[in-house]
Amino acid sequence: MQGEADRALGYQPPSLRKGNSFRCTPLFVAKFCPVAGKLTPSGTLVRILTIVVSKAGQQPAPATDGDRAATLQLIIALGRALQAIERSVRPHLVQSGLGLTEFAVLEVLYHKGALPLGQIRDRILVTGASTTYVVKKLEERGLMRRRACAEDSRVVFGELTAKGRALIDEVFPVHVERLQRAMAGLSVSQKREASRLLRALGLHARRMTGERITEDD
């Protein structure tokens, strides 16, 4: 199991390390995490992977071998679960003409209202350049628009158009149904407990990186 966990994290033996750096190639990058009945951007797994791998190149932590194995097993379980859930929802989004990132932008505007582009970027966890590209594509399709902030012209907001809201009104309920079917292997109480544990895990990992925690988290 340890060998499989190491391979999943892109582990390389000491002979392949250069200096103090530690090279890794995670097999995937998770952008979404289903929470509270809907697909919301979390990116927690990406942060956890980064922390686990970066710590591997530092001085040994006082963790036991059992803790190390359990940590890597959890990462693998999270990754496989997210991949499976993504595979279950992607076809429906594609039929609706949306990629996962495009859906994430529309979904966050649908539930949060107009937001500065920087906040959209942070919530869906893509780079600024990628956000601009996705927003431009959605604008060209008439699904969202940009507008300058009245108080600060440097800030640009993104908001849904009537066409974008109509599309997400149609897509989102089916999306939630697919999520529920994909996660039907857990009872309601198990889902709540998993949400509680993963939230605690994510918050701790984010504090380790010095990330700002907001009330929404």
N, C-alpha and C. Protein backbone atom coordinates (compact mmCIF):
# COMPACT_ATOMS: atom_id res chain seq x y z
N MET A 1 0.83 -1.21 0.00
CA MET A 1 0.00 0.00 0.00
C MET A 1 0.86 1.25 0.00
N GLN A 2 1.95 1.19 0.77
CA GLN A 2 2.82 2.36 0.84
C GLN A 2 3.42 2.68 -0.52
N GLY A 3 3.83 1.61 -1.27
CA GLY A 3 4.38 1.84 -2.60
C GLY A 3 3.35 2.47 -3.52
N GLU A 4 2.09 2.00 -3.44
CA GLU A 4 1.03 2.57 -4.28
C GLU A 4 0.77 4.01 -3.91
N ALA A 5 0.78 4.30 -2.60
CA ALA A 5 0.56 5.67 -2.16
C ALA A 5 1.66 6.59 -2.64
N ASP A 6 2.90 6.10 -2.55
CA ASP A 6 4.02 6.93 -3.02
C ASP A 6 3.90 7.22 -4.51
N ARG A 7 3.52 6.19 -5.29
CA ARG A 7 3.39 6.42 -6.73
C ARG A 7 2.27 7.39 -7.02
N ALA A 8 1.17 7.31 -6.26
CA ALA A 8 0.04 8.21 -6.49
C ALA A 8 0.42 9.66 -6.26
N LEU A 9 1.37 9.90 -5.38
CA LEU A 9 1.81 11.26 -5.10
C LEU A 9 3.01 11.66 -5.93
N GLY A 10 3.41 10.80 -6.87
CA GLY A 10 4.55 11.12 -7.70
C GLY A 10 5.85 11.04 -6.95
N TYR A 11 5.95 10.19 -5.93
CA TYR A 11 7.13 10.10 -5.09
C TYR A 11 8.35 9.65 -5.88
N GLN A 12 9.48 10.23 -5.56
CA GLN A 12 10.74 9.82 -6.15
C GLN A 12 11.73 9.51 -5.04
N PRO A 13 12.51 8.44 -5.19
CA PRO A 13 13.48 8.09 -4.14
C PRO A 13 14.54 9.15 -4.01
N PRO A 14 15.30 9.14 -2.89
CA PRO A 14 16.32 10.15 -2.66
C PRO A 14 17.32 10.28 -3.80
N SER A 15 17.60 9.20 -4.52
CA SER A 15 18.59 9.26 -5.60
C SER A 15 18.14 10.16 -6.73
N LEU A 16 16.82 10.44 -6.83
CA LEU A 16 16.31 11.26 -7.92
C LEU A 16 16.06 12.69 -7.49
N ARG A 17 16.30 13.00 -6.21
CA ARG A 17 16.09 14.36 -5.73
C ARG A 17 17.30 15.22 -6.05
N LYS A 18 17.07 16.50 -6.28
CA LYS A 18 18.15 17.44 -6.53
C LYS A 18 18.17 18.48 -5.41
N GLY A 19 19.28 18.52 -4.71
CA GLY A 19 19.41 19.50 -3.64
C GLY A 19 18.33 19.30 -2.60
N ASN A 20 17.68 20.42 -2.22
CA ASN A 20 16.63 20.35 -1.22
C ASN A 20 15.24 20.27 -1.85
N SER A 21 15.19 20.26 -3.19
CA SER A 21 13.88 20.24 -3.84
C SER A 21 13.32 18.83 -3.84
N PHE A 22 12.02 18.76 -4.00
CA PHE A 22 11.36 17.47 -4.05
C PHE A 22 10.39 17.51 -5.21
N ARG A 23 10.65 16.71 -6.22
CA ARG A 23 9.83 16.75 -7.43
C ARG A 23 8.69 15.75 -7.30
N CYS A 24 7.51 16.15 -7.78
CA CYS A 24 6.38 15.25 -7.74
C CYS A 24 5.48 15.53 -8.93
N THR A 25 4.72 14.50 -9.29
CA THR A 25 3.77 14.65 -10.38
C THR A 25 2.45 14.03 -9.96
N PRO A 26 1.58 14.74 -9.27
CA PRO A 26 0.29 14.18 -8.90
C PRO A 26 -0.47 13.73 -10.13
N LEU A 27 -1.24 12.68 -10.00
CA LEU A 27 -1.93 12.11 -11.14
C LEU A 27 -3.11 12.93 -11.59
N PHE A 28 -3.59 13.82 -10.72
CA PHE A 28 -4.74 14.61 -11.11
C PHE A 28 -4.76 15.87 -10.28
N VAL A 29 -5.56 16.84 -10.72
CA VAL A 29 -5.79 18.07 -9.97
C VAL A 29 -7.28 18.20 -9.77
N ALA A 30 -7.72 18.14 -8.52
CA ALA A 30 -9.14 18.22 -8.23
C ALA A 30 -9.56 19.67 -8.13
N LYS A 31 -10.60 20.04 -8.84
CA LYS A 31 -11.07 21.42 -8.80
C LYS A 31 -12.38 21.54 -8.03
N PHE A 32 -13.07 20.45 -7.85
CA PHE A 32 -14.39 20.55 -7.28
C PHE A 32 -14.58 19.56 -6.16
N CYS A 33 -15.44 19.93 -5.25
CA CYS A 33 -15.76 19.03 -4.14
C CYS A 33 -17.23 19.17 -3.83
N PRO A 34 -18.03 18.10 -3.86
CA PRO A 34 -19.44 18.21 -3.57
C PRO A 34 -19.65 18.40 -2.08
N VAL A 35 -20.28 19.50 -1.71
CA VAL A 35 -20.53 19.81 -0.32
C VAL A 35 -21.96 20.30 -0.18
N ALA A 36 -22.64 19.84 0.82
CA ALA A 36 -23.98 20.31 1.17
C ALA A 36 -24.93 20.26 -0.02
N GLY A 37 -24.86 19.17 -0.80
CA GLY A 37 -25.84 18.96 -1.84
C GLY A 37 -25.57 19.66 -3.14
N LYS A 38 -24.44 20.31 -3.30
CA LYS A 38 -24.15 20.95 -4.58
C LYS A 38 -22.66 20.92 -4.81
N LEU A 39 -22.29 21.15 -6.06
CA LEU A 39 -20.87 21.15 -6.42
C LEU A 39 -20.31 22.53 -6.14
N THR A 40 -19.39 22.62 -5.18
CA THR A 40 -18.81 23.91 -4.85
C THR A 40 -17.30 23.80 -4.94
N PRO A 41 -16.63 24.86 -5.41
CA PRO A 41 -15.19 24.82 -5.52
C PRO A 41 -14.54 24.74 -4.16
N SER A 42 -13.63 23.81 -3.99
CA SER A 42 -12.91 23.77 -2.73
C SER A 42 -11.43 23.69 -2.94
N GLY A 43 -11.04 22.80 -3.82
CA GLY A 43 -9.62 22.64 -4.10
C GLY A 43 -8.83 22.17 -2.90
N THR A 44 -9.51 21.71 -1.83
CA THR A 44 -8.82 21.31 -0.62
C THR A 44 -7.81 20.21 -0.90
N LEU A 45 -8.18 19.26 -1.76
CA LEU A 45 -7.29 18.14 -2.01
C LEU A 45 -5.98 18.61 -2.63
N VAL A 46 -6.05 19.61 -3.51
CA VAL A 46 -4.84 20.14 -4.11
C VAL A 46 -3.91 20.68 -3.03
N ARG A 47 -4.49 21.42 -2.08
CA ARG A 47 -3.68 21.98 -1.00
C ARG A 47 -3.07 20.88 -0.15
N ILE A 48 -3.86 19.84 0.15
CA ILE A 48 -3.37 18.76 0.98
C ILE A 48 -2.22 18.04 0.28
N LEU A 49 -2.40 17.77 -1.02
CA LEU A 49 -1.32 17.12 -1.78
C LEU A 49 -0.05 17.94 -1.72
N THR A 50 -0.21 19.26 -1.90
CA THR A 50 0.96 20.14 -1.88
C THR A 50 1.67 20.10 -0.53
N ILE A 51 0.88 20.12 0.54
CA ILE A 51 1.46 20.11 1.87
C ILE A 51 2.17 18.79 2.15
N VAL A 52 1.50 17.67 1.82
CA VAL A 52 2.08 16.36 2.09
C VAL A 52 3.40 16.19 1.35
N VAL A 53 3.40 16.56 0.07
CA VAL A 53 4.59 16.37 -0.73
C VAL A 53 5.71 17.32 -0.31
N SER A 54 5.36 18.58 -0.01
CA SER A 54 6.40 19.53 0.38
C SER A 54 7.04 19.13 1.70
N LYS A 55 6.26 18.57 2.61
CA LYS A 55 6.80 18.14 3.89
C LYS A 55 7.76 16.97 3.72
N ALA A 56 7.56 16.18 2.66
CA ALA A 56 8.40 15.00 2.47
C ALA A 56 9.85 15.37 2.22
N GLY A 57 10.09 16.59 1.70
CA GLY A 57 11.46 17.00 1.41
C GLY A 57 12.12 17.70 2.58
N GLN A 58 11.40 17.87 3.69
CA GLN A 58 11.96 18.52 4.85
C GLN A 58 12.43 17.48 5.86
N GLN A 59 12.81 17.93 7.03
CA GLN A 59 13.26 17.00 8.06
C GLN A 59 12.10 16.09 8.45
N PRO A 60 12.38 14.86 8.81
CA PRO A 60 11.31 13.92 9.14
C PRO A 60 10.42 14.45 10.25
N ALA A 61 9.12 14.33 10.04
CA ALA A 61 8.16 14.75 11.06
C ALA A 61 8.06 13.66 12.12
N PRO A 62 7.61 14.02 13.32
CA PRO A 62 7.54 13.03 14.39
C PRO A 62 6.33 12.11 14.26
N ALA A 63 5.84 11.90 13.05
CA ALA A 63 4.69 11.03 12.84
C ALA A 63 5.13 9.57 12.81
N THR A 64 4.24 8.70 13.20
CA THR A 64 4.53 7.27 13.18
C THR A 64 4.37 6.74 11.76
N ASP A 65 4.90 5.53 11.53
CA ASP A 65 4.72 4.90 10.22
C ASP A 65 3.24 4.67 9.95
N GLY A 66 2.48 4.35 11.01
CA GLY A 66 1.05 4.14 10.83
C GLY A 66 0.35 5.41 10.39
N ASP A 67 0.76 6.56 10.95
CA ASP A 67 0.15 7.83 10.56
C ASP A 67 0.50 8.17 9.13
N ARG A 68 1.75 7.90 8.74
CA ARG A 68 2.17 8.18 7.37
C ARG A 68 1.35 7.36 6.39
N ALA A 69 1.19 6.08 6.66
CA ALA A 69 0.42 5.21 5.77
C ALA A 69 -1.04 5.65 5.71
N ALA A 70 -1.61 5.99 6.87
CA ALA A 70 -3.01 6.42 6.91
C ALA A 70 -3.20 7.72 6.14
N THR A 71 -2.22 8.62 6.24
CA THR A 71 -2.30 9.89 5.52
C THR A 71 -2.33 9.66 4.01
N LEU A 72 -1.41 8.83 3.52
CA LEU A 72 -1.34 8.58 2.09
C LEU A 72 -2.54 7.78 1.59
N GLN A 73 -3.02 6.85 2.41
CA GLN A 73 -4.22 6.11 2.03
C GLN A 73 -5.43 7.03 1.91
N LEU A 74 -5.52 8.01 2.80
CA LEU A 74 -6.62 8.97 2.75
C LEU A 74 -6.55 9.81 1.48
N ILE A 75 -5.35 10.26 1.12
CA ILE A 75 -5.18 11.04 -0.11
C ILE A 75 -5.64 10.23 -1.32
N ILE A 76 -5.26 8.96 -1.39
CA ILE A 76 -5.65 8.11 -2.51
C ILE A 76 -7.17 7.94 -2.53
N ALA A 77 -7.77 7.70 -1.37
CA ALA A 77 -9.22 7.51 -1.30
C ALA A 77 -9.95 8.78 -1.75
N LEU A 78 -9.48 9.95 -1.30
CA LEU A 78 -10.09 11.21 -1.70
C LEU A 78 -9.98 11.41 -3.20
N GLY A 79 -8.80 11.16 -3.72
CA GLY A 79 -8.59 11.36 -5.14
C GLY A 79 -9.46 10.47 -6.00
N ARG A 80 -9.53 9.19 -5.63
CA ARG A 80 -10.34 8.26 -6.42
C ARG A 80 -11.82 8.60 -6.33
N ALA A 81 -12.27 9.02 -5.15
CA ALA A 81 -13.68 9.38 -4.99
C ALA A 81 -14.02 10.60 -5.85
N LEU A 82 -13.16 11.61 -5.84
CA LEU A 82 -13.42 12.81 -6.62
C LEU A 82 -13.39 12.53 -8.11
N GLN A 83 -12.46 11.67 -8.54
CA GLN A 83 -12.41 11.30 -9.95
C GLN A 83 -13.70 10.60 -10.37
N ALA A 84 -14.18 9.69 -9.54
CA ALA A 84 -15.40 8.95 -9.86
C ALA A 84 -16.60 9.87 -9.91
N ILE A 85 -16.70 10.80 -8.97
CA ILE A 85 -17.82 11.74 -8.96
C ILE A 85 -17.76 12.65 -10.18
N GLU A 86 -16.57 13.10 -10.52
CA GLU A 86 -16.42 13.95 -11.70
C GLU A 86 -16.88 13.21 -12.96
N ARG A 87 -16.51 11.94 -13.08
CA ARG A 87 -16.92 11.16 -14.25
C ARG A 87 -18.43 11.02 -14.33
N SER A 88 -19.09 11.02 -13.18
CA SER A 88 -20.54 10.85 -13.17
C SER A 88 -21.29 12.12 -13.57
N VAL A 89 -20.69 13.29 -13.36
CA VAL A 89 -21.39 14.54 -13.66
C VAL A 89 -20.94 15.18 -14.97
N ARG A 90 -19.75 14.84 -15.43
CA ARG A 90 -19.22 15.50 -16.62
C ARG A 90 -20.10 15.32 -17.87
N PRO A 91 -20.59 14.09 -18.19
CA PRO A 91 -21.36 13.93 -19.43
C PRO A 91 -22.57 14.87 -19.52
N HIS A 92 -23.28 15.04 -18.41
CA HIS A 92 -24.45 15.93 -18.42
C HIS A 92 -24.05 17.36 -18.70
N LEU A 93 -22.95 17.80 -18.11
CA LEU A 93 -22.49 19.16 -18.35
C LEU A 93 -22.07 19.35 -19.81
N VAL A 94 -21.40 18.34 -20.36
CA VAL A 94 -20.98 18.41 -21.76
C VAL A 94 -22.20 18.51 -22.67
N GLN A 95 -23.25 17.75 -22.37
CA GLN A 95 -24.49 17.82 -23.14
C GLN A 95 -25.10 19.21 -23.09
N SER A 96 -24.85 19.91 -22.00
CA SER A 96 -25.36 21.27 -21.84
C SER A 96 -24.41 22.32 -22.39
N GLY A 97 -23.31 21.85 -22.99
CA GLY A 97 -22.36 22.76 -23.58
C GLY A 97 -21.42 23.42 -22.60
N LEU A 98 -21.22 22.78 -21.45
CA LEU A 98 -20.40 23.37 -20.40
C LEU A 98 -19.26 22.44 -20.01
N GLY A 99 -18.09 23.02 -19.79
CA GLY A 99 -17.00 22.31 -19.15
C GLY A 99 -17.13 22.48 -17.65
N LEU A 100 -16.33 21.76 -16.89
CA LEU A 100 -16.41 21.84 -15.43
C LEU A 100 -16.10 23.25 -14.93
N THR A 101 -15.09 23.90 -15.51
CA THR A 101 -14.73 25.24 -15.06
C THR A 101 -15.80 26.25 -15.43
N GLU A 102 -16.35 26.12 -16.62
CA GLU A 102 -17.43 27.03 -17.03
C GLU A 102 -18.64 26.87 -16.11
N PHE A 103 -18.96 25.61 -15.81
CA PHE A 103 -20.07 25.37 -14.89
C PHE A 103 -19.79 25.97 -13.52
N ALA A 104 -18.55 25.83 -13.05
CA ALA A 104 -18.19 26.35 -11.73
C ALA A 104 -18.38 27.86 -11.67
N VAL A 105 -18.01 28.57 -12.74
CA VAL A 105 -18.20 30.03 -12.76
C VAL A 105 -19.68 30.37 -12.70
N LEU A 106 -20.48 29.72 -13.54
CA LEU A 106 -21.91 30.00 -13.53
C LEU A 106 -22.55 29.63 -12.20
N GLU A 107 -22.11 28.51 -11.64
CA GLU A 107 -22.69 28.05 -10.37
C GLU A 107 -22.41 29.02 -9.23
N VAL A 108 -21.18 29.53 -9.15
CA VAL A 108 -20.85 30.44 -8.05
C VAL A 108 -21.60 31.76 -8.21
N LEU A 109 -21.77 32.24 -9.42
CA LEU A 109 -22.55 33.47 -9.64
C LEU A 109 -24.03 33.22 -9.38
N TYR A 110 -24.49 32.03 -9.66
CA TYR A 110 -25.88 31.66 -9.43
C TYR A 110 -26.23 31.70 -7.95
N HIS A 111 -25.31 31.21 -7.13
CA HIS A 111 -25.59 31.12 -5.70
C HIS A 111 -25.09 32.31 -4.89
N LYS A 112 -24.08 33.01 -5.39
CA LYS A 112 -23.50 34.13 -4.64
C LYS A 112 -23.85 35.49 -5.22
N GLY A 113 -24.38 35.53 -6.44
CA GLY A 113 -24.65 36.81 -7.07
C GLY A 113 -23.39 37.37 -7.71
N ALA A 114 -23.47 38.62 -8.16
CA ALA A 114 -22.33 39.25 -8.82
C ALA A 114 -21.12 39.26 -7.88
N LEU A 115 -19.95 38.94 -8.44
CA LEU A 115 -18.72 38.88 -7.67
C LEU A 115 -17.58 39.51 -8.46
N PRO A 116 -16.60 40.12 -7.76
CA PRO A 116 -15.38 40.56 -8.46
C PRO A 116 -14.72 39.35 -9.11
N LEU A 117 -14.09 39.56 -10.25
CA LEU A 117 -13.45 38.45 -10.96
C LEU A 117 -12.41 37.75 -10.09
N GLY A 118 -11.73 38.51 -9.23
CA GLY A 118 -10.74 37.90 -8.35
C GLY A 118 -11.37 36.92 -7.39
N GLN A 119 -12.56 37.23 -6.89
CA GLN A 119 -13.23 36.30 -5.99
C GLN A 119 -13.73 35.06 -6.73
N ILE A 120 -14.17 35.25 -7.96
CA ILE A 120 -14.56 34.09 -8.77
C ILE A 120 -13.36 33.17 -8.95
N ARG A 121 -12.23 33.76 -9.28
CA ARG A 121 -11.00 32.98 -9.46
C ARG A 121 -10.66 32.20 -8.20
N ASP A 122 -10.73 32.86 -7.04
CA ASP A 122 -10.37 32.19 -5.80
C ASP A 122 -11.34 31.06 -5.46
N ARG A 123 -12.61 31.27 -5.76
CA ARG A 123 -13.60 30.26 -5.39
C ARG A 123 -13.53 29.02 -6.27
N ILE A 124 -13.16 29.18 -7.55
CA ILE A 124 -13.09 28.01 -8.41
C ILE A 124 -11.65 27.53 -8.58
N LEU A 125 -10.68 28.25 -7.99
CA LEU A 125 -9.29 27.81 -7.93
C LEU A 125 -8.67 27.57 -9.30
N VAL A 126 -8.70 28.60 -10.13
CA VAL A 126 -7.95 28.58 -11.37
C VAL A 126 -7.13 29.86 -11.43
N THR A 127 -6.17 29.92 -12.32
CA THR A 127 -5.31 31.09 -12.41
C THR A 127 -6.08 32.26 -12.99
N GLY A 128 -5.54 33.46 -12.78
CA GLY A 128 -6.18 34.66 -13.30
C GLY A 128 -6.36 34.61 -14.80
N ALA A 129 -5.34 34.12 -15.52
CA ALA A 129 -5.42 34.03 -16.98
C ALA A 129 -6.54 33.08 -17.39
N SER A 130 -6.67 31.96 -16.71
CA SER A 130 -7.71 30.99 -17.03
C SER A 130 -9.09 31.56 -16.75
N THR A 131 -9.20 32.32 -15.65
CA THR A 131 -10.48 32.94 -15.33
C THR A 131 -10.89 33.89 -16.44
N THR A 132 -9.96 34.71 -16.89
CA THR A 132 -10.25 35.65 -17.97
C THR A 132 -10.71 34.92 -19.21
N TYR A 133 -10.05 33.81 -19.54
CA TYR A 133 -10.39 33.04 -20.73
C TYR A 133 -11.80 32.46 -20.61
N VAL A 134 -12.11 31.86 -19.46
CA VAL A 134 -13.42 31.25 -19.26
C VAL A 134 -14.52 32.31 -19.26
N VAL A 135 -14.27 33.42 -18.58
CA VAL A 135 -15.25 34.50 -18.55
C VAL A 135 -15.51 35.03 -19.96
N LYS A 136 -14.45 35.17 -20.74
CA LYS A 136 -14.61 35.65 -22.12
C LYS A 136 -15.47 34.69 -22.93
N LYS A 137 -15.24 33.39 -22.78
CA LYS A 137 -16.03 32.40 -23.50
C LYS A 137 -17.50 32.47 -23.09
N LEU A 138 -17.75 32.62 -21.79
CA LEU A 138 -19.12 32.70 -21.31
C LEU A 138 -19.79 33.99 -21.76
N GLU A 139 -19.01 35.07 -21.83
CA GLU A 139 -19.54 36.34 -22.34
C GLU A 139 -19.93 36.21 -23.81
N GLU A 140 -19.06 35.57 -24.60
CA GLU A 140 -19.34 35.41 -26.02
C GLU A 140 -20.60 34.61 -26.27
N ARG A 141 -20.92 33.72 -25.33
CA ARG A 141 -22.15 32.92 -25.45
C ARG A 141 -23.35 33.62 -24.83
N GLY A 142 -23.11 34.81 -24.27
CA GLY A 142 -24.20 35.58 -23.69
C GLY A 142 -24.69 35.04 -22.36
N LEU A 143 -23.84 34.26 -21.66
CA LEU A 143 -24.24 33.64 -20.40
C LEU A 143 -23.88 34.49 -19.18
N MET A 144 -22.90 35.37 -19.32
CA MET A 144 -22.53 36.27 -18.24
C MET A 144 -21.96 37.55 -18.84
N ARG A 145 -21.79 38.56 -18.00
CA ARG A 145 -21.22 39.82 -18.45
C ARG A 145 -20.32 40.40 -17.36
N ARG A 146 -19.45 41.28 -17.78
CA ARG A 146 -18.59 42.00 -16.86
C ARG A 146 -19.07 43.44 -16.74
N ARG A 147 -18.88 44.00 -15.55
CA ARG A 147 -19.20 45.42 -15.35
C ARG A 147 -18.24 45.99 -14.33
N ALA A 148 -17.91 47.27 -14.51
CA ALA A 148 -16.99 47.94 -13.59
C ALA A 148 -17.69 48.26 -12.28
N CYS A 149 -16.92 48.23 -11.20
CA CYS A 149 -17.44 48.59 -9.89
C CYS A 149 -17.65 50.10 -9.83
N ALA A 150 -18.80 50.53 -9.32
CA ALA A 150 -19.10 51.95 -9.27
C ALA A 150 -18.18 52.69 -8.31
N GLU A 151 -17.72 52.01 -7.25
CA GLU A 151 -16.87 52.66 -6.25
C GLU A 151 -15.39 52.61 -6.61
N ASP A 152 -14.98 51.61 -7.36
CA ASP A 152 -13.56 51.44 -7.70
C ASP A 152 -13.46 50.89 -9.12
N SER A 153 -13.06 51.73 -10.06
CA SER A 153 -13.02 51.33 -11.46
C SER A 153 -12.01 50.22 -11.73
N ARG A 154 -11.08 49.98 -10.78
CA ARG A 154 -10.10 48.92 -10.96
C ARG A 154 -10.71 47.54 -10.75
N VAL A 155 -11.84 47.50 -10.08
CA VAL A 155 -12.51 46.23 -9.77
C VAL A 155 -13.57 45.94 -10.83
N VAL A 156 -13.53 44.74 -11.37
CA VAL A 156 -14.50 44.32 -12.39
C VAL A 156 -15.33 43.17 -11.83
N PHE A 157 -16.64 43.32 -11.92
CA PHE A 157 -17.55 42.28 -11.45
C PHE A 157 -17.99 41.39 -12.60
N GLY A 158 -18.31 40.15 -12.26
CA GLY A 158 -18.94 39.23 -13.20
C GLY A 158 -20.33 38.91 -12.69
N GLU A 159 -21.29 38.83 -13.60
CA GLU A 159 -22.66 38.51 -13.20
C GLU A 159 -23.36 37.74 -14.31
N LEU A 160 -24.37 36.97 -13.93
CA LEU A 160 -25.13 36.19 -14.90
C LEU A 160 -26.03 37.10 -15.73
N THR A 161 -26.21 36.72 -16.98
CA THR A 161 -27.24 37.33 -17.80
C THR A 161 -28.52 36.52 -17.62
N ALA A 162 -29.60 37.01 -18.19
CA ALA A 162 -30.86 36.26 -18.12
C ALA A 162 -30.70 34.90 -18.79
N LYS A 163 -29.96 34.86 -19.89
CA LYS A 163 -29.72 33.59 -20.60
C LYS A 163 -28.89 32.64 -19.74
N GLY A 164 -27.87 33.18 -19.05
CA GLY A 164 -27.05 32.34 -18.18
C GLY A 164 -27.84 31.79 -17.02
N ARG A 165 -28.69 32.63 -16.43
CA ARG A 165 -29.51 32.17 -15.30
C ARG A 165 -30.49 31.10 -15.77
N ALA A 166 -31.06 31.28 -16.95
CA ALA A 166 -31.99 30.27 -17.46
C ALA A 166 -31.28 28.94 -17.66
N LEU A 167 -30.04 28.97 -18.17
CA LEU A 167 -29.29 27.74 -18.38
C LEU A 167 -28.97 27.05 -17.07
N ILE A 168 -28.50 27.80 -16.08
CA ILE A 168 -28.13 27.17 -14.81
C ILE A 168 -29.38 26.71 -14.06
N ASP A 169 -30.50 27.42 -14.25
CA ASP A 169 -31.78 26.97 -13.68
C ASP A 169 -32.13 25.58 -14.19
N GLU A 170 -31.82 25.32 -15.45
CA GLU A 170 -32.13 24.04 -16.07
C GLU A 170 -31.11 22.97 -15.71
N VAL A 171 -29.83 23.34 -15.69
CA VAL A 171 -28.75 22.38 -15.51
C VAL A 171 -28.57 21.96 -14.06
N PHE A 172 -28.68 22.90 -13.14
CA PHE A 172 -28.28 22.64 -11.76
C PHE A 172 -29.10 21.54 -11.08
N PRO A 173 -30.44 21.53 -11.19
CA PRO A 173 -31.20 20.45 -10.52
C PRO A 173 -30.79 19.05 -10.98
N VAL A 174 -30.57 18.88 -12.28
CA VAL A 174 -30.14 17.58 -12.80
C VAL A 174 -28.75 17.26 -12.28
N HIS A 175 -27.90 18.28 -12.21
CA HIS A 175 -26.55 18.10 -11.70
C HIS A 175 -26.57 17.57 -10.27
N VAL A 176 -27.44 18.14 -9.44
CA VAL A 176 -27.55 17.70 -8.04
C VAL A 176 -28.05 16.26 -7.98
N GLU A 177 -29.01 15.91 -8.83
CA GLU A 177 -29.51 14.53 -8.85
C GLU A 177 -28.40 13.56 -9.18
N ARG A 178 -27.54 13.91 -10.13
CA ARG A 178 -26.42 13.03 -10.49
C ARG A 178 -25.43 12.92 -9.33
N LEU A 179 -25.22 14.01 -8.64
CA LEU A 179 -24.35 13.96 -7.46
C LEU A 179 -24.93 13.04 -6.39
N GLN A 180 -26.22 13.16 -6.19
CA GLN A 180 -26.87 12.32 -5.17
C GLN A 180 -26.76 10.85 -5.53
N ARG A 181 -26.94 10.52 -6.81
CA ARG A 181 -26.81 9.12 -7.22
C ARG A 181 -25.38 8.63 -7.05
N ALA A 182 -24.43 9.49 -7.38
CA ALA A 182 -23.02 9.10 -7.25
C ALA A 182 -22.63 8.88 -5.79
N MET A 183 -23.30 9.58 -4.88
CA MET A 183 -22.93 9.52 -3.47
C MET A 183 -23.92 8.70 -2.65
N ALA A 184 -24.76 7.94 -3.33
CA ALA A 184 -25.79 7.16 -2.64
C ALA A 184 -25.20 6.02 -1.81
N GLY A 185 -23.91 5.77 -1.96
CA GLY A 185 -23.27 4.73 -1.16
C GLY A 185 -23.12 5.10 0.30
N LEU A 186 -23.36 6.37 0.63
CA LEU A 186 -23.31 6.83 2.01
C LEU A 186 -24.70 7.27 2.46
N SER A 187 -25.00 7.03 3.73
CA SER A 187 -26.25 7.51 4.30
C SER A 187 -26.16 9.01 4.55
N VAL A 188 -27.28 9.62 4.87
CA VAL A 188 -27.29 11.07 5.16
C VAL A 188 -26.35 11.37 6.33
N SER A 189 -26.42 10.56 7.39
CA SER A 189 -25.56 10.81 8.55
C SER A 189 -24.09 10.62 8.20
N GLN A 190 -23.79 9.64 7.35
CA GLN A 190 -22.40 9.43 6.94
C GLN A 190 -21.89 10.60 6.10
N LYS A 191 -22.75 11.13 5.24
CA LYS A 191 -22.36 12.29 4.43
C LYS A 191 -22.07 13.49 5.33
N ARG A 192 -22.90 13.69 6.33
CA ARG A 192 -22.68 14.82 7.24
C ARG A 192 -21.39 14.65 8.03
N GLU A 193 -21.12 13.43 8.46
CA GLU A 193 -19.88 13.18 9.19
C GLU A 193 -18.67 13.35 8.29
N ALA A 194 -18.78 12.86 7.04
CA ALA A 194 -17.68 13.04 6.09
C ALA A 194 -17.44 14.50 5.81
N SER A 195 -18.51 15.28 5.67
CA SER A 195 -18.38 16.72 5.44
C SER A 195 -17.68 17.39 6.61
N ARG A 196 -18.06 16.99 7.82
CA ARG A 196 -17.46 17.58 9.01
C ARG A 196 -15.96 17.28 9.07
N LEU A 197 -15.59 16.03 8.82
CA LEU A 197 -14.19 15.64 8.90
C LEU A 197 -13.37 16.31 7.79
N LEU A 198 -13.92 16.35 6.59
CA LEU A 198 -13.18 16.94 5.46
C LEU A 198 -13.04 18.45 5.63
N ARG A 199 -14.05 19.07 6.20
CA ARG A 199 -13.95 20.52 6.46
C ARG A 199 -12.83 20.79 7.47
N ALA A 200 -12.78 20.00 8.54
CA ALA A 200 -11.72 20.16 9.53
C ALA A 200 -10.35 19.91 8.90
N LEU A 201 -10.27 18.89 8.06
CA LEU A 201 -9.02 18.58 7.38
C LEU A 201 -8.60 19.73 6.47
N GLY A 202 -9.55 20.24 5.70
CA GLY A 202 -9.23 21.32 4.78
C GLY A 202 -8.81 22.60 5.49
N LEU A 203 -9.51 22.96 6.55
CA LEU A 203 -9.17 24.18 7.28
C LEU A 203 -7.77 24.09 7.88
N HIS A 204 -7.43 22.92 8.42
CA HIS A 204 -6.10 22.77 8.99
C HIS A 204 -5.03 22.88 7.91
N ALA A 205 -5.25 22.22 6.78
CA ALA A 205 -4.28 22.27 5.69
C ALA A 205 -4.10 23.70 5.18
N ARG A 206 -5.18 24.44 5.09
CA ARG A 206 -5.11 25.82 4.60
C ARG A 206 -4.41 26.73 5.60
N ARG A 207 -4.61 26.48 6.89
CA ARG A 207 -3.89 27.29 7.89
C ARG A 207 -2.39 27.05 7.80
N MET A 208 -2.01 25.82 7.49
CA MET A 208 -0.58 25.51 7.38
C MET A 208 0.09 26.29 6.26
N THR A 209 -0.68 26.63 5.22
CA THR A 209 -0.12 27.38 4.10
C THR A 209 -0.27 28.88 4.30
N GLY A 210 -0.88 29.28 5.42
CA GLY A 210 -1.05 30.71 5.69
C GLY A 210 -2.20 31.33 4.92
N GLU A 211 -3.08 30.50 4.39
CA GLU A 211 -4.21 31.03 3.60
C GLU A 211 -5.22 31.68 4.51
N ARG A 212 -5.81 32.76 4.01
CA ARG A 212 -6.83 33.46 4.77
C ARG A 212 -8.11 32.64 4.79
N ILE A 213 -8.70 32.51 5.97
CA ILE A 213 -9.95 31.75 6.12
C ILE A 213 -11.09 32.74 6.28
N THR A 214 -12.15 32.57 5.50
CA THR A 214 -13.29 33.47 5.56
C THR A 214 -14.49 32.79 6.22
N GLU A 215 -15.53 33.56 6.45
CA GLU A 215 -16.73 33.01 7.07
C GLU A 215 -17.37 31.95 6.19
N ASP A 216 -17.23 32.10 4.88
CA ASP A 216 -17.81 31.12 3.95
C ASP A 216 -17.15 29.76 4.06
N ASP A 217 -15.92 29.73 4.62
CA ASP A 217 -15.19 28.48 4.72
C ASP A 217 -15.65 27.65 5.90
